[in-house]
Structure formats: C-alpha cells, structure tokens
Amino acid sequence: MDTQQYSLSPAAARAREALFAQASADYAVTAARFFKTGRGDYGEGDRFIGVRVPDVRKTARQFFRELTPSEVLPLLADPVHECRLLALILWTQQFARGDEACREEIVAHYLAHTDGINNWDLVDLSAYEIVGNFLLSRDRSLLDRLAGSTSLWEQRIAIVSTWAFIRRGEFDDTLRLADRLLTHPHDLIHKAVGWMLREVGKRDKKRLESFLESRCRRMPRTMLRYAVERFSPDERARYMRRD
C-alpha cells in the first residue's frame, strides 16, 4: 500500500499520537525479534515501536467512535506494525457495532488492502472477526479465492476466517480449505491449519479423527502436532508416528 496517497484525519492523527505515547524501545527490540523482522524472514523490514497488544486495544476503544472506516485506512498503510494493528482492531470494533453498510465498507477496505495485513498476528486478530463473521450468512467462495492466492497472508486469512464458522459448529469450510492447504510449504500455514483443525476437534473429535486418518501421513509435522494437541498422550504419539 502506498502510504503517500493517504493523509491522516485529525482523529486518526490523535490515535496515532496516543499509540506512540506508549512506545517502549526495549519492548520494540523484543517484538522485532519475535515477529522475525530480520533479513530473509517473513517479517523482514517491519518496524516496531514497542506497544503491547492490550494497550493497542485500549487505544482503539478510545478512538473507534471518532473515526470512519475510511479514516482508518492511513493507519493500515503505516510502516509501523502497531499502527497497522491499531487499524485492524479499530475495524473489528467498528464492525461489531456497525450496520450492514458499515460492515460492507470495512470488508471492502480489508480485502483491497491485504498488503497491510502482513504478519500472522495481524491476520489472526482480524480475519475471523471481519471476514469470517461477514460470511456467516453469505457465499463463502471468497475463501477459496484467498486460499488460492500467491500471498501467504491471504492464504492465512482464508483458513483463519473459518474460525467464525467453527464457533457456530460449522466445519465443512475449514476442512475443505485444510485439504487445499495440506501440503503448503510454509510453516505459518502449517500452524494456522493445525490450529483450526484443533478447534474443530475441540467440538467434534470424531470429525477431526476422520479427517486425519487418511491425511496424517501427508501432513507437515507442525500442522499435525497442532491438530492433535488436545488428544491424549497415547493418541498424539500414534498420529505422530504415522504408522
């Protein structure tokens, strides 16, 4: 996203200033290391100022009523990770309280600017809250398009969005996308798919076991380990042996 095409509204500028007032140089170093910002890493070049997630949430609660969804966009274009985090939390709060027109606007902005949703935490706190909840009563083929994207983050958005369905006892979309992403090469997709499979298993263990029986030998070990995390030690051992 080209940050030069956006300017901050007065309310967005105040929100950004409130965020920067909580910055910690020490924590910024820790966060940059945790989110793999080194050369060649998935978060290469990302910039942190060191604001913890609970404090970003507090800032969002302070400002979400003052901003329109469009006014949030410059924050999602910001090179600072916590500003993009703030943008997404603002949208989740606006989405939860908004009418249909507001929700449609947020989803449109979200899907048009996935280049700003470019780390796993940004995906995980927003995908099911916005995309997943939006699709609860709509056609879900959008998720197949995202899963087929060349963007790692759009692929993760696709599978994590299905958490909204899982929470309602609907598992078909999760299992379909898990099948599609079963042999994905990246560890961040392995973890996301395994996480969603575990969530299915928490609600319907037999459904998860049925899925795993014919696939566990082909699944990346990280994905499988996440999926069976809540099984008994003996069950976990059997699946991980793949015999």
Protein backbone atom coordinates (compact mmCIF):
# COMPACT_ATOMS: atom_id res chain seq x y z
CA MET A 1 0.00 0.00 0.00
CA ASP A 2 1.34 3.39 -0.99
CA THR A 3 1.38 5.48 2.16
CA GLN A 4 1.84 8.65 0.14
CA GLN A 5 -1.73 8.53 -1.20
CA TYR A 6 -3.22 8.80 2.31
CA SER A 7 -3.27 11.62 4.82
CA LEU A 8 -4.32 11.31 8.42
CA SER A 9 -7.55 12.90 9.56
CA PRO A 10 -7.33 14.82 12.84
CA ALA A 11 -8.89 11.91 14.73
CA ALA A 12 -6.54 9.37 13.14
CA ALA A 13 -3.58 11.62 13.95
CA ARG A 14 -4.65 11.77 17.60
CA ALA A 15 -4.99 7.99 17.72
CA ARG A 16 -1.52 7.56 16.27
CA GLU A 17 -0.08 10.06 18.74
CA ALA A 18 -1.74 8.21 21.63
CA LEU A 19 -0.18 4.98 20.38
CA PHE A 20 3.31 6.47 20.12
CA ALA A 21 3.00 7.90 23.63
CA GLN A 22 3.03 4.32 24.91
CA ALA A 23 6.11 3.22 22.96
CA SER A 24 8.89 1.26 24.64
CA ALA A 25 12.27 0.98 22.93
CA ASP A 26 13.15 -2.13 24.93
CA TYR A 27 9.94 -3.92 24.03
CA ALA A 28 10.31 -2.85 20.39
CA VAL A 29 13.55 -4.84 20.19
CA THR A 30 11.86 -7.89 21.69
CA ALA A 31 8.86 -7.61 19.35
CA ALA A 32 11.03 -7.19 16.26
CA ARG A 33 12.88 -10.37 17.16
CA PHE A 34 9.69 -12.30 17.97
CA PHE A 35 8.00 -11.34 14.70
CA LYS A 36 11.01 -12.31 12.58
CA THR A 37 11.95 -8.98 11.02
CA GLY A 38 15.48 -9.99 10.04
CA ARG A 39 16.76 -10.29 6.51
CA GLY A 40 15.07 -13.12 4.67
CA ASP A 41 12.46 -13.62 7.41
CA TYR A 42 8.71 -13.42 6.81
CA GLY A 43 8.52 -10.04 8.61
CA GLU A 44 11.64 -8.56 7.04
CA GLY A 45 11.81 -4.79 7.42
CA ASP A 46 8.77 -4.43 9.67
CA ARG A 47 9.15 -1.62 12.20
CA PHE A 48 8.02 -1.83 15.83
CA ILE A 49 7.76 0.94 18.41
CA GLY A 50 7.06 -1.39 21.34
CA VAL A 51 3.38 -1.12 22.30
CA ARG A 52 1.77 -4.26 23.72
CA VAL A 53 -1.48 -5.61 22.30
CA PRO A 54 -3.65 -4.79 25.37
CA ASP A 55 -2.52 -1.18 25.14
CA VAL A 56 -3.27 -1.06 21.41
CA ARG A 57 -6.75 -2.37 22.20
CA LYS A 58 -7.25 0.35 24.83
CA THR A 59 -6.25 2.98 22.31
CA ALA A 60 -8.71 1.56 19.79
CA ARG A 61 -11.53 1.62 22.33
CA GLN A 62 -10.72 5.27 22.97
CA PHE A 63 -10.95 6.31 19.31
CA PHE A 64 -13.10 3.88 17.30
CA ARG A 65 -16.23 6.04 17.58
CA GLU A 66 -14.38 9.11 16.32
CA LEU A 67 -13.17 7.51 13.09
CA THR A 68 -14.96 6.34 9.96
CA PRO A 69 -13.72 3.09 8.37
CA SER A 70 -12.12 5.11 5.58
CA GLU A 71 -10.24 7.28 8.08
CA VAL A 72 -8.65 4.11 9.46
CA LEU A 73 -7.01 3.30 6.11
CA PRO A 74 -3.91 5.52 6.56
CA LEU A 75 -3.10 3.63 9.77
CA LEU A 76 -3.15 0.34 7.84
CA ALA A 77 -0.73 1.93 5.36
CA ASP A 78 1.68 2.93 8.13
CA PRO A 79 5.14 1.29 8.18
CA VAL A 80 4.85 0.90 11.97
CA HIS A 81 3.46 -2.50 12.88
CA GLU A 82 1.46 -1.27 15.86
CA CYS A 83 -0.29 1.33 13.69
CA ARG A 84 -1.47 -1.41 11.35
CA LEU A 85 -2.51 -3.43 14.39
CA LEU A 86 -4.46 -0.44 15.66
CA ALA A 87 -6.18 -0.07 12.30
CA LEU A 88 -7.36 -3.65 12.32
CA ILE A 89 -8.55 -3.54 15.92
CA LEU A 90 -10.43 -0.32 15.14
CA TRP A 91 -12.15 -2.10 12.25
CA THR A 92 -13.05 -5.14 14.36
CA GLN A 93 -14.65 -2.84 16.93
CA GLN A 94 -16.46 -0.82 14.27
CA PHE A 95 -17.58 -3.99 12.51
CA ALA A 96 -19.02 -5.46 15.71
CA ARG A 97 -21.13 -2.35 16.32
CA GLY A 98 -21.82 -1.24 12.76
CA ASP A 99 -24.80 -1.61 10.49
CA GLU A 100 -24.75 -3.57 7.23
CA ALA A 101 -23.38 -0.67 5.19
CA CYS A 102 -20.55 -0.11 7.67
CA ARG A 103 -19.66 -3.79 7.63
CA GLU A 104 -19.64 -3.96 3.86
CA GLU A 105 -17.36 -0.94 3.73
CA ILE A 106 -14.91 -2.45 6.24
CA VAL A 107 -14.78 -5.77 4.39
CA ALA A 108 -14.18 -4.00 1.09
CA HIS A 109 -11.31 -1.99 2.57
CA TYR A 110 -9.89 -5.09 4.28
CA LEU A 111 -9.83 -7.20 1.12
CA ALA A 112 -8.48 -4.35 -1.03
CA HIS A 113 -5.56 -3.72 1.32
CA THR A 114 -4.32 -7.11 2.44
CA ASP A 115 -0.78 -5.93 1.70
CA GLY A 116 -1.00 -4.07 5.02
CA ILE A 117 -2.16 -7.22 6.84
CA ASN A 118 1.29 -8.71 6.58
CA ASN A 119 2.12 -10.62 9.72
CA TRP A 120 0.45 -13.54 11.46
CA ASP A 121 -0.79 -11.53 14.45
CA LEU A 122 -2.48 -9.01 12.16
CA VAL A 123 -4.27 -11.83 10.34
CA ASP A 124 -5.21 -13.77 13.44
CA LEU A 125 -6.88 -10.95 15.36
CA SER A 126 -8.88 -9.70 12.39
CA ALA A 127 -9.67 -12.39 9.81
CA TYR A 128 -12.38 -14.28 11.66
CA GLU A 129 -13.74 -11.12 13.29
CA ILE A 130 -14.21 -9.33 9.97
CA VAL A 131 -14.16 -11.71 7.00
CA GLY A 132 -15.39 -14.78 8.86
CA ASN A 133 -18.28 -13.03 10.59
CA PHE A 134 -19.22 -11.24 7.38
CA LEU A 135 -19.52 -14.55 5.53
CA LEU A 136 -21.59 -16.34 8.17
CA SER A 137 -24.75 -15.89 6.10
CA ARG A 138 -23.13 -15.39 2.69
CA ASP A 139 -21.50 -17.36 -0.08
CA ARG A 140 -18.04 -18.44 1.05
CA SER A 141 -16.29 -18.95 -2.28
CA LEU A 142 -14.24 -15.84 -1.45
CA LEU A 143 -12.23 -18.02 0.93
CA ASP A 144 -11.29 -20.39 -1.88
CA ARG A 145 -10.03 -17.43 -3.89
CA LEU A 146 -7.94 -16.24 -0.96
CA ALA A 147 -6.62 -19.77 -0.33
CA GLY A 148 -5.52 -19.90 -3.97
CA SER A 149 -3.70 -16.57 -3.76
CA THR A 150 0.06 -16.27 -4.13
CA SER A 151 0.05 -14.19 -0.92
CA LEU A 152 0.96 -16.10 2.23
CA TRP A 153 -1.11 -13.66 4.27
CA GLU A 154 -4.23 -14.00 2.10
CA GLN A 155 -3.92 -17.77 2.40
CA ARG A 156 -3.72 -17.46 6.17
CA ILE A 157 -6.71 -15.07 6.15
CA ALA A 158 -8.69 -17.75 4.32
CA ILE A 159 -8.17 -20.52 6.87
CA VAL A 160 -8.30 -18.35 10.00
CA SER A 161 -11.56 -16.74 8.82
CA THR A 162 -13.22 -20.13 9.21
CA TRP A 163 -12.86 -19.87 12.99
CA ALA A 164 -16.08 -17.83 12.88
CA PHE A 165 -17.84 -20.85 11.34
CA ILE A 166 -16.22 -23.35 13.73
CA ARG A 167 -17.55 -21.37 16.67
CA ARG A 168 -21.02 -21.99 15.27
CA GLY A 169 -20.43 -25.72 14.82
CA GLU A 170 -19.86 -25.47 11.04
CA PHE A 171 -16.76 -27.39 9.94
CA ASP A 172 -17.08 -28.08 6.21
CA ASP A 173 -15.30 -24.92 5.02
CA THR A 174 -12.42 -25.41 7.44
CA LEU A 175 -11.88 -29.00 6.36
CA ARG A 176 -12.14 -28.12 2.67
CA LEU A 177 -9.53 -25.39 2.97
CA ALA A 178 -7.35 -27.54 5.21
CA ASP A 179 -7.33 -30.14 2.45
CA ARG A 180 -6.37 -27.50 -0.09
CA LEU A 181 -3.52 -26.19 2.08
CA LEU A 182 -2.46 -29.62 3.35
CA THR A 183 0.95 -29.66 1.65
CA HIS A 184 1.63 -25.92 1.72
CA PRO A 185 5.36 -25.23 2.08
CA HIS A 186 5.27 -22.51 4.74
CA ASP A 187 5.32 -23.11 8.48
CA LEU A 188 2.92 -20.23 9.14
CA ILE A 189 0.24 -22.01 7.12
CA HIS A 190 1.01 -25.32 8.83
CA LYS A 191 0.41 -23.67 12.19
CA ALA A 192 -2.78 -21.91 11.10
CA VAL A 193 -4.32 -25.02 9.55
CA GLY A 194 -3.33 -27.15 12.53
CA TRP A 195 -4.83 -24.57 14.88
CA MET A 196 -8.16 -24.55 13.02
CA LEU A 197 -8.23 -28.36 12.91
CA ARG A 198 -7.65 -28.40 16.67
CA GLU A 199 -10.59 -26.04 17.09
CA VAL A 200 -12.75 -28.44 15.07
CA GLY A 201 -11.58 -31.32 17.25
CA LYS A 202 -12.47 -29.46 20.44
CA ARG A 203 -16.08 -29.50 19.27
CA ASP A 204 -16.24 -32.75 17.28
CA LYS A 205 -13.32 -35.08 17.91
CA LYS A 206 -14.70 -37.82 15.65
CA ARG A 207 -14.92 -35.41 12.74
CA LEU A 208 -11.27 -34.43 13.21
CA GLU A 209 -10.18 -38.06 13.59
CA SER A 210 -11.96 -38.94 10.36
CA PHE A 211 -10.15 -36.12 8.59
CA LEU A 212 -6.77 -37.11 9.98
CA GLU A 213 -6.94 -40.85 9.33
CA SER A 214 -6.46 -40.55 5.59
CA ARG A 215 -4.20 -37.49 5.72
CA CYS A 216 -1.92 -37.61 8.74
CA ARG A 217 0.89 -39.31 6.81
CA ARG A 218 0.97 -36.46 4.28
CA MET A 219 0.57 -33.56 6.68
CA PRO A 220 3.55 -31.45 7.76
CA ARG A 221 4.51 -32.45 11.29
CA THR A 222 3.86 -28.98 12.69
CA MET A 223 0.32 -28.99 11.28
CA LEU A 224 -0.34 -32.45 12.67
CA ARG A 225 1.14 -31.61 16.07
CA TYR A 226 -1.12 -28.56 16.38
CA ALA A 227 -4.15 -30.55 15.25
CA VAL A 228 -3.76 -33.33 17.85
CA GLU A 229 -2.57 -31.12 20.71
CA ARG A 230 -5.65 -31.86 22.84
CA PHE A 231 -5.57 -35.62 22.28
CA SER A 232 -4.31 -38.00 24.95
CA PRO A 233 -0.54 -38.67 25.03
CA ASP A 234 -1.06 -42.13 23.52
CA GLU A 235 -3.27 -40.76 20.75
CA ARG A 236 -0.81 -38.00 19.94
CA ALA A 237 2.03 -40.50 19.81
CA ARG A 238 0.11 -42.76 17.44
CA TYR A 239 -0.63 -39.97 15.00
CA MET A 240 2.87 -38.53 15.14
CA ARG A 241 4.37 -41.97 14.43
CA ARG A 242 2.26 -42.13 11.27
CA ASP A 243 2.29 -45.92 11.27
